[in-house]
Amino acid sequence: MKYGCIGEHLAHSFSKEIHNALCDYEYEIKEIPRDELDLFMQKKEFNAINVTIPYKELVIPHLHYISDEAKMIGAVNTIINKDGNLYGYNTDFLGMKSLILKNNMDFSGKKVLILGTGGTSKTAHAVSESLGANEIITVSRKRSDKAIDYDDMYQCHFDADYIINTTPVGMYPNIYASPVKLDKFKSLSGVVDAIYNPLSSALVSEAKRIGINATGGLYMLVKQAAYAAEKFINTHISEEKSDEVYNKIFSKKQNIVLIGMPSSGKTTIGEKLSKFLGRKMIDTDQLIGMREGKEITEIFSDNGEEYFRKCEKEVIAQVSKESGLIISTGGGCILDEDNIRNLKMNGKVYFIDRNLENLTATKSRPLSSDMEALKKRYEERYDKYMKLCDVRVDNNGSIEDVINKILER
């Protein structure tokens, strides 16, 4: 391996795509068990590597040189092999600082809670200090001289201004977990989550839902990668280039989610987008039918609507974990707002809006099998579609116009 990233579990990593987009070199992802880390570091069979959870501190004894910022933080995420001597740096600092500033968060004179005690936690502490935070408190599952526990946090620090999550709680594949309950805090101005997969963690999603400025960690990952790449091959990467890569990766990873009435054109639009973008398309109704071994009408007649909605919720929770998909949903998925919250963790939701007179009632759709039922569903659901979507797309003209509108977004 010449260039790459080492860590314990890296199936979720976007680093290879980011580095390949930033620079012209081969970048590998290498999972290393804890009991093999020392041997890997002793062999030094690499030009330069990034280091991630849980090795940012464990690699330090193997280094010939540690930069001042890495010493201050006590963690290394970038290592350069110079003629057999290993030089350690921390580009996470600049990455996290860029993330916070990009999202217009002002730490000056504020109270910041940092969840977790690993290398990224130390980076978050250093960044918060550099941004003028008045009080910085580390929170851990176990109380220690350097950290309070979560009970102490809820009891004594409910007035915190900012929360930074540096734990893996909520990271793929366990994306529905959240490290804290935000309703316990009365003065939050912002939430930062170092997790980037999903794009919007459960913590970030909940913060946004209740009107708190919040961001996931993808921008931090791209910026720290750009700073690391500069050290890898002694080059300069402009801010415009790193922002371009961020936008490209974000767009590529974000699911395109289609909601709307039956016969509004979701499946046709999804299929055309799939061909144009080369993305996999998933139809949640088809998945439910395959899972149950029945047509949707049979599920309704044999098991009832409540059973169908349960199946729908389970299927949506599963597909929402994946990225880079086109997802066409059933017309009634918006009846449970959890479905939309889950879909938005990795996706942008487009309401395919077709006028009632252009919709078609068919026997294959149990709740809109005739025009009277279709009209009733339309009137019941329209406001929900409008409330829950990110983008409304008019589909009373040509399919090509709809495709172009979505691609523009």
Protein backbone atom coordinates (compact mmCIF):
# COMPACT_ATOMS: atom_id res chain seq x y z
CA MET A 1 0.00 0.00 0.00
CA LYS A 2 1.39 3.41 -1.00
CA TYR A 3 -1.45 5.60 0.20
CA GLY A 4 -4.52 4.72 2.22
CA CYS A 5 -6.48 4.69 5.44
CA ILE A 6 -6.18 2.27 8.34
CA GLY A 7 -8.75 1.55 11.01
CA GLU A 8 -10.55 -1.33 12.68
CA HIS A 9 -13.90 -1.24 10.84
CA LEU A 10 -13.98 0.67 7.55
CA ALA A 11 -16.90 -0.73 5.54
CA HIS A 12 -18.61 2.65 5.94
CA SER A 13 -15.64 4.72 4.77
CA PHE A 14 -15.88 7.32 1.98
CA SER A 15 -12.15 8.13 2.16
CA LYS A 16 -11.09 6.27 -1.00
CA GLU A 17 -13.61 8.14 -3.15
CA ILE A 18 -12.62 11.48 -1.63
CA HIS A 19 -8.87 11.05 -2.09
CA ASN A 20 -9.29 9.69 -5.62
CA ALA A 21 -11.34 12.81 -6.44
CA LEU A 22 -8.83 15.17 -4.82
CA CYS A 23 -5.59 13.81 -6.30
CA ASP A 24 -4.17 11.44 -8.87
CA TYR A 25 -2.92 8.56 -6.73
CA GLU A 26 -4.22 5.13 -5.71
CA TYR A 27 -5.72 5.18 -2.23
CA GLU A 28 -6.61 2.00 -0.35
CA ILE A 29 -8.82 1.19 2.63
CA LYS A 30 -7.20 -1.28 5.01
CA GLU A 31 -8.91 -2.79 8.05
CA ILE A 32 -6.38 -3.86 10.68
CA PRO A 33 -7.26 -5.91 13.79
CA ARG A 34 -5.96 -4.39 17.02
CA ASP A 35 -3.50 -7.21 17.60
CA GLU A 36 -1.90 -6.58 14.18
CA LEU A 37 -1.49 -2.80 14.42
CA ASP A 38 2.00 -2.83 15.96
CA LEU A 39 3.37 -5.16 13.28
CA PHE A 40 1.85 -3.04 10.51
CA MET A 41 3.45 0.10 11.93
CA GLN A 42 6.81 -1.60 12.42
CA LYS A 43 6.92 -2.79 8.80
CA LYS A 44 6.30 0.77 7.50
CA GLU A 45 5.19 -0.54 4.11
CA PHE A 46 3.48 2.64 2.96
CA ASN A 47 4.28 6.14 1.70
CA ALA A 48 1.53 7.91 3.65
CA ILE A 49 -1.64 6.92 5.48
CA ASN A 50 -4.63 8.32 7.27
CA VAL A 51 -5.55 6.84 10.63
CA THR A 52 -9.07 6.55 12.00
CA ILE A 53 -10.99 4.98 14.90
CA PRO A 54 -9.64 3.52 17.14
CA TYR A 55 -5.94 4.00 16.29
CA LYS A 56 -5.38 7.79 16.39
CA GLU A 57 -3.64 7.53 19.76
CA LEU A 58 -2.26 4.00 19.51
CA VAL A 59 0.00 4.84 16.54
CA ILE A 60 1.84 7.59 18.42
CA PRO A 61 4.56 5.38 20.02
CA HIS A 62 5.64 4.34 16.52
CA LEU A 63 6.34 7.88 15.31
CA HIS A 64 9.71 9.57 14.88
CA TYR A 65 8.12 13.04 14.81
CA ILE A 66 4.79 14.50 15.95
CA SER A 67 3.63 17.94 14.84
CA ASP A 68 2.83 20.58 17.45
CA GLU A 69 -0.90 20.46 16.75
CA ALA A 70 -0.93 16.66 17.04
CA LYS A 71 0.99 16.87 20.33
CA MET A 72 -1.46 19.44 21.66
CA ILE A 73 -4.42 17.26 20.73
CA GLY A 74 -2.82 13.94 21.63
CA ALA A 75 -4.00 12.24 18.45
CA VAL A 76 -2.65 11.63 14.95
CA ASN A 77 -4.69 11.04 11.80
CA THR A 78 -2.03 11.51 9.10
CA ILE A 79 1.34 9.74 8.90
CA ILE A 80 4.07 10.35 6.31
CA ASN A 81 6.90 7.87 5.78
CA LYS A 82 10.10 9.84 5.13
CA ASP A 83 12.99 7.46 4.42
CA GLY A 84 11.78 5.00 7.05
CA ASN A 85 10.95 7.61 9.69
CA LEU A 86 7.28 8.17 10.46
CA TYR A 87 5.99 11.75 10.83
CA GLY A 88 2.60 12.28 12.47
CA TYR A 89 0.14 15.14 11.92
CA ASN A 90 -3.44 16.01 12.79
CA THR A 91 -5.48 17.41 9.89
CA ASP A 92 -8.76 16.68 11.73
CA PHE A 93 -8.28 19.98 13.58
CA LEU A 94 -8.53 22.07 10.44
CA GLY A 95 -11.27 19.83 9.06
CA MET A 96 -13.50 20.21 12.11
CA LYS A 97 -12.82 23.94 12.37
CA SER A 98 -13.80 24.36 8.71
CA LEU A 99 -17.01 22.39 9.34
CA ILE A 100 -18.06 24.56 12.28
CA LEU A 101 -17.29 27.83 10.51
CA LYS A 102 -19.02 26.70 7.29
CA ASN A 103 -22.20 26.23 9.31
CA ASN A 104 -21.98 29.68 10.92
CA MET A 105 -21.62 28.42 14.48
CA ASP A 106 -20.19 30.92 16.95
CA PHE A 107 -18.46 29.25 19.93
CA SER A 108 -17.15 32.49 21.42
CA GLY A 109 -18.02 32.64 25.14
CA LYS A 110 -20.25 29.55 24.86
CA LYS A 111 -20.59 26.25 26.71
CA VAL A 112 -19.68 23.22 24.56
CA LEU A 113 -20.37 19.58 25.39
CA ILE A 114 -18.14 17.03 23.66
CA LEU A 115 -19.47 13.47 23.59
CA GLY A 116 -16.72 10.83 23.66
CA THR A 117 -13.12 10.60 24.82
CA GLY A 118 -11.15 9.33 21.82
CA GLY A 119 -8.87 11.12 19.39
CA THR A 120 -11.66 13.04 17.66
CA SER A 121 -12.90 14.22 21.07
CA LYS A 122 -9.51 15.72 21.77
CA THR A 123 -9.60 17.41 18.37
CA ALA A 124 -13.04 18.83 19.14
CA HIS A 125 -11.74 20.18 22.45
CA ALA A 126 -8.80 21.91 20.77
CA VAL A 127 -11.04 23.38 18.05
CA SER A 128 -13.60 24.62 20.59
CA GLU A 129 -10.82 26.26 22.58
CA SER A 130 -9.41 27.92 19.45
CA LEU A 131 -12.88 29.29 18.65
CA GLY A 132 -13.16 30.95 22.05
CA ALA A 133 -15.50 28.60 23.92
CA ASN A 134 -15.91 29.67 27.53
CA GLU A 135 -16.57 26.21 28.98
CA ILE A 136 -15.71 22.87 27.37
CA ILE A 137 -16.97 19.68 29.00
CA THR A 138 -16.18 16.12 27.93
CA VAL A 139 -18.93 13.55 28.41
CA SER A 140 -18.33 9.81 28.65
CA ARG A 141 -20.25 6.67 29.60
CA LYS A 142 -17.97 6.43 32.63
CA ARG A 143 -17.16 9.32 34.95
CA SER A 144 -13.44 10.13 35.35
CA ASP A 145 -11.09 12.99 36.25
CA LYS A 146 -11.38 14.26 32.68
CA ALA A 147 -15.03 13.54 31.88
CA ILE A 148 -18.49 13.66 33.39
CA ASP A 149 -21.08 10.97 32.71
CA TYR A 150 -24.38 11.38 30.90
CA ASP A 151 -26.42 11.66 34.10
CA ASP A 152 -24.24 14.59 35.22
CA MET A 153 -24.64 16.15 31.79
CA TYR A 154 -28.44 16.07 31.90
CA GLN A 155 -28.60 17.29 35.50
CA CYS A 156 -25.99 20.05 35.45
CA HIS A 157 -25.39 21.11 31.84
CA PHE A 158 -28.83 21.33 30.23
CA ASP A 159 -27.91 24.97 29.45
CA ALA A 160 -25.19 23.97 26.95
CA ASP A 161 -24.97 26.06 23.78
CA TYR A 162 -23.35 23.46 21.51
CA ILE A 163 -22.98 19.68 21.38
CA ILE A 164 -20.25 17.91 19.39
CA ASN A 165 -20.63 14.14 18.99
CA THR A 166 -17.36 12.27 18.48
CA THR A 167 -18.68 8.82 19.45
CA PRO A 168 -19.64 6.19 16.84
CA VAL A 169 -23.22 6.09 18.15
CA GLY A 170 -25.50 6.51 15.13
CA MET A 171 -22.90 5.44 12.56
CA TYR A 172 -23.75 2.99 9.75
CA PRO A 173 -25.17 0.35 10.04
CA ASN A 174 -26.77 1.32 13.39
CA ILE A 175 -28.05 4.61 12.03
CA TYR A 176 -31.14 4.95 14.20
CA ALA A 177 -29.23 5.28 17.49
CA SER A 178 -28.58 8.69 19.04
CA PRO A 179 -26.11 9.46 21.85
CA VAL A 180 -28.30 12.07 23.61
CA LYS A 181 -31.88 13.26 24.03
CA LEU A 182 -32.00 16.79 22.71
CA ASP A 183 -35.26 17.67 24.45
CA LYS A 184 -33.29 17.79 27.73
CA PHE A 185 -31.42 20.90 26.58
CA LYS A 186 -33.01 24.33 26.79
CA SER A 187 -30.47 26.63 25.10
CA LEU A 188 -28.89 24.71 22.23
CA SER A 189 -27.70 26.81 19.31
CA GLY A 190 -26.03 24.04 17.34
CA VAL A 191 -25.15 20.36 17.00
CA VAL A 192 -22.07 18.98 15.24
CA ASP A 193 -21.74 15.25 14.55
CA ALA A 194 -18.44 13.87 13.27
CA ILE A 195 -20.39 10.95 11.75
CA TYR A 196 -20.72 11.22 7.96
CA ASN A 197 -22.48 7.93 7.18
CA PRO A 198 -25.43 8.46 7.25
CA LEU A 199 -25.20 11.95 5.77
CA SER A 200 -27.59 13.18 8.45
CA SER A 201 -27.34 11.08 11.62
CA ALA A 202 -30.28 10.50 13.95
CA LEU A 203 -28.81 13.21 16.21
CA VAL A 204 -28.50 15.73 13.38
CA SER A 205 -31.92 14.82 11.97
CA GLU A 206 -33.61 15.37 15.33
CA ALA A 207 -31.80 18.68 15.83
CA LYS A 208 -32.96 19.93 12.44
CA ARG A 209 -36.51 18.74 13.12
CA ILE A 210 -36.75 20.94 16.21
CA GLY A 211 -35.11 23.93 14.54
CA ILE A 212 -31.51 23.67 15.76
CA ASN A 213 -28.60 24.41 13.42
CA ALA A 214 -26.95 21.01 12.87
CA THR A 215 -24.45 19.32 10.56
CA GLY A 216 -22.96 15.91 9.90
CA GLY A 217 -19.27 15.26 9.36
CA LEU A 218 -18.84 14.82 5.60
CA TYR A 219 -17.46 18.32 5.03
CA MET A 220 -14.96 17.77 7.85
CA LEU A 221 -13.91 14.48 6.24
CA VAL A 222 -13.31 16.13 2.86
CA LYS A 223 -11.41 19.10 4.30
CA GLN A 224 -9.16 16.97 6.51
CA ALA A 225 -8.53 14.71 3.50
CA ALA A 226 -7.49 17.73 1.44
CA TYR A 227 -5.04 18.85 4.13
CA ALA A 228 -3.73 15.29 4.40
CA ALA A 229 -3.31 14.97 0.64
CA GLU A 230 -1.24 18.15 0.61
CA LYS A 231 1.19 16.45 2.99
CA PHE A 232 1.02 13.12 1.14
CA ILE A 233 2.41 14.49 -2.12
CA ASN A 234 3.60 18.00 -1.20
CA THR A 235 0.96 19.86 -3.21
CA HIS A 236 -1.68 22.56 -2.69
CA ILE A 237 -5.42 21.91 -2.92
CA SER A 238 -7.54 25.01 -3.28
CA GLU A 239 -10.66 25.63 -1.23
CA GLU A 240 -12.64 25.64 -4.47
CA LYS A 241 -11.35 22.16 -5.30
CA SER A 242 -12.16 20.68 -1.89
CA ASP A 243 -15.64 22.27 -1.95
CA GLU A 244 -16.19 20.86 -5.43
CA VAL A 245 -15.25 17.37 -4.20
CA TYR A 246 -17.51 17.74 -1.18
CA ASN A 247 -20.49 18.70 -3.35
CA LYS A 248 -19.76 15.84 -5.74
CA ILE A 249 -19.50 13.21 -2.99
CA PHE A 250 -22.56 14.53 -1.16
CA SER A 251 -24.67 14.48 -4.32
CA LYS A 252 -23.46 11.02 -5.23
CA LYS A 253 -24.23 9.59 -1.80
CA GLN A 254 -27.58 11.32 -1.26
CA ASN A 255 -30.58 9.19 -2.18
CA ILE A 256 -33.24 10.60 -4.50
CA VAL A 257 -36.53 9.81 -2.74
CA LEU A 258 -39.80 10.09 -4.66
CA ILE A 259 -43.12 10.51 -2.85
CA GLY A 260 -46.57 11.25 -4.19
CA MET A 261 -49.99 9.89 -5.02
CA PRO A 262 -50.51 6.55 -6.77
CA SER A 263 -50.21 7.05 -10.56
CA SER A 264 -48.32 10.33 -10.10
CA GLY A 265 -45.40 8.90 -12.12
CA LYS A 266 -42.91 8.00 -9.37
CA THR A 267 -41.91 4.63 -10.82
CA THR A 268 -41.53 5.89 -14.39
CA ILE A 269 -39.49 8.87 -13.22
CA GLY A 270 -37.37 6.65 -10.99
CA GLU A 271 -36.59 4.24 -13.82
CA LYS A 272 -35.55 7.05 -16.16
CA LEU A 273 -33.37 8.65 -13.47
CA SER A 274 -31.82 5.25 -12.77
CA LYS A 275 -30.78 4.84 -16.40
CA PHE A 276 -29.54 8.41 -16.75
CA LEU A 277 -27.51 8.44 -13.51
CA GLY A 278 -26.50 4.77 -13.42
CA ARG A 279 -27.98 4.43 -9.95
CA LYS A 280 -29.87 1.49 -8.54
CA MET A 281 -33.61 2.07 -8.18
CA ILE A 282 -35.70 0.59 -5.39
CA ASP A 283 -39.49 0.51 -5.37
CA THR A 284 -40.59 0.00 -1.75
CA ASP A 285 -43.97 -1.50 -2.75
CA GLN A 286 -42.16 -4.05 -4.92
CA LEU A 287 -39.85 -4.92 -2.02
CA ILE A 288 -42.82 -5.44 0.28
CA GLY A 289 -44.47 -7.70 -2.30
CA MET A 290 -41.27 -9.73 -2.74
CA ARG A 291 -40.80 -10.06 1.02
CA GLU A 292 -44.38 -11.23 1.59
CA GLY A 293 -44.65 -13.27 -1.60
CA LYS A 294 -47.92 -11.52 -2.45
CA GLU A 295 -49.32 -8.69 -4.52
CA ILE A 296 -50.09 -5.51 -2.56
CA THR A 297 -53.83 -6.07 -3.04
CA GLU A 298 -53.48 -9.55 -1.51
CA ILE A 299 -51.61 -8.21 1.52
CA PHE A 300 -54.41 -5.71 2.13
CA SER A 301 -57.17 -8.31 1.69
CA ASP A 302 -55.43 -11.10 3.64
CA ASN A 303 -53.69 -9.13 6.39
CA GLY A 304 -55.19 -5.64 6.43
CA GLU A 305 -53.77 -2.15 6.07
CA GLU A 306 -52.17 -2.09 9.54
CA TYR A 307 -50.03 -5.12 8.67
CA PHE A 308 -49.07 -3.55 5.34
CA ARG A 309 -47.99 -0.30 7.03
CA LYS A 310 -45.84 -2.31 9.46
CA CYS A 311 -44.12 -4.05 6.53
CA GLU A 312 -43.71 -0.71 4.75
CA LYS A 313 -42.08 0.88 7.78
CA GLU A 314 -39.61 -2.02 8.14
CA VAL A 315 -38.67 -1.93 4.45
CA ILE A 316 -38.19 1.86 4.48
CA ALA A 317 -36.05 1.65 7.63
CA GLN A 318 -33.81 -0.85 5.85
CA VAL A 319 -33.41 0.95 2.51
CA SER A 320 -32.87 4.28 4.27
CA LYS A 321 -29.52 2.98 5.54
CA GLU A 322 -28.13 2.77 2.02
CA SER A 323 -26.78 5.62 -0.08
CA GLY A 324 -26.70 6.58 -3.74
CA LEU A 325 -30.11 5.07 -4.51
CA ILE A 326 -33.28 6.21 -6.24
CA ILE A 327 -36.19 5.24 -3.98
CA SER A 328 -39.78 5.23 -5.20
CA THR A 329 -42.22 4.98 -2.31
CA GLY A 330 -45.85 3.95 -1.93
CA GLY A 331 -48.43 6.72 -1.90
CA GLY A 332 -49.25 6.22 1.78
CA CYS A 333 -45.72 6.13 3.20
CA ILE A 334 -46.18 9.71 4.45
CA LEU A 335 -48.92 8.56 6.84
CA ASP A 336 -46.13 7.63 9.29
CA GLU A 337 -43.75 10.58 9.57
CA ASP A 338 -41.02 8.27 10.90
CA ASN A 339 -40.76 6.94 7.34
CA ILE A 340 -39.88 10.38 5.99
CA ARG A 341 -37.48 11.11 8.86
CA ASN A 342 -35.67 7.86 8.08
CA LEU A 343 -35.59 8.50 4.34
CA LYS A 344 -34.14 11.99 4.90
CA MET A 345 -31.13 10.66 6.84
CA ASN A 346 -29.50 9.75 3.53
CA GLY A 347 -31.88 11.34 1.07
CA LYS A 348 -33.62 14.34 -0.39
CA VAL A 349 -37.39 13.93 -0.70
CA TYR A 350 -39.11 15.03 -3.94
CA PHE A 351 -42.90 15.31 -4.05
CA ILE A 352 -44.05 14.32 -7.54
CA ASP A 353 -47.13 16.49 -7.75
CA ARG A 354 -49.72 15.62 -10.40
CA ASN A 355 -53.16 17.22 -10.46
CA LEU A 356 -56.09 15.05 -9.42
CA GLU A 357 -57.65 15.09 -12.90
CA ASN A 358 -54.43 13.60 -14.30
CA LEU A 359 -54.30 10.71 -11.81
CA THR A 360 -55.70 7.25 -12.62
CA ALA A 361 -57.62 4.92 -10.32
CA THR A 362 -56.76 1.21 -10.74
CA LYS A 363 -57.75 -2.02 -9.01
CA SER A 364 -54.07 -2.71 -8.23
CA ARG A 365 -54.07 0.11 -5.68
CA PRO A 366 -56.28 -0.98 -2.76
CA LEU A 367 -56.96 2.49 -1.32
CA SER A 368 -57.51 4.26 -4.64
CA SER A 369 -59.27 1.65 -6.75
CA ASP A 370 -61.92 4.08 -8.02
CA MET A 371 -62.06 7.84 -8.60
CA GLU A 372 -64.07 8.54 -5.46
CA ALA A 373 -61.47 6.76 -3.29
CA LEU A 374 -58.63 8.40 -5.22
CA LYS A 375 -60.09 11.85 -4.64
CA LYS A 376 -60.49 11.13 -0.93
CA ARG A 377 -56.85 9.98 -0.62
CA TYR A 378 -55.69 13.06 -2.56
CA GLU A 379 -57.52 15.43 -0.24
CA GLU A 380 -56.31 13.59 2.87
CA ARG A 381 -52.67 13.47 1.84
CA TYR A 382 -51.84 16.55 -0.23
CA ASP A 383 -50.93 18.81 2.69
CA LYS A 384 -48.75 16.07 4.17
CA TYR A 385 -46.83 15.67 0.91
CA MET A 386 -46.22 19.41 0.86
CA LYS A 387 -45.17 19.54 4.52
CA LEU A 388 -42.80 16.57 4.42
CA CYS A 389 -41.05 17.01 1.07
CA ASP A 390 -37.80 18.90 0.49
CA VAL A 391 -38.73 19.77 -3.09
CA ARG A 392 -42.07 19.88 -4.91
CA VAL A 393 -41.85 18.88 -8.58
CA ASP A 394 -44.79 19.56 -10.88
CA ASN A 395 -45.59 16.54 -13.06
CA ASN A 396 -48.41 17.82 -15.24
CA GLY A 397 -46.19 18.29 -18.27
CA SER A 398 -43.55 16.06 -19.84
CA ILE A 399 -41.50 13.46 -17.98
CA GLU A 400 -38.37 15.06 -19.42
CA ASP A 401 -39.19 18.33 -17.65
CA VAL A 402 -39.53 16.48 -14.35
CA ILE A 403 -36.22 14.65 -14.84
CA ASN A 404 -34.45 17.92 -15.63
CA LYS A 405 -35.92 19.64 -12.56
CA ILE A 406 -34.68 16.84 -10.30
CA LEU A 407 -31.24 16.79 -11.95
CA GLU A 408 -30.93 20.55 -11.46
CA ARG A 409 -31.40 20.00 -7.75
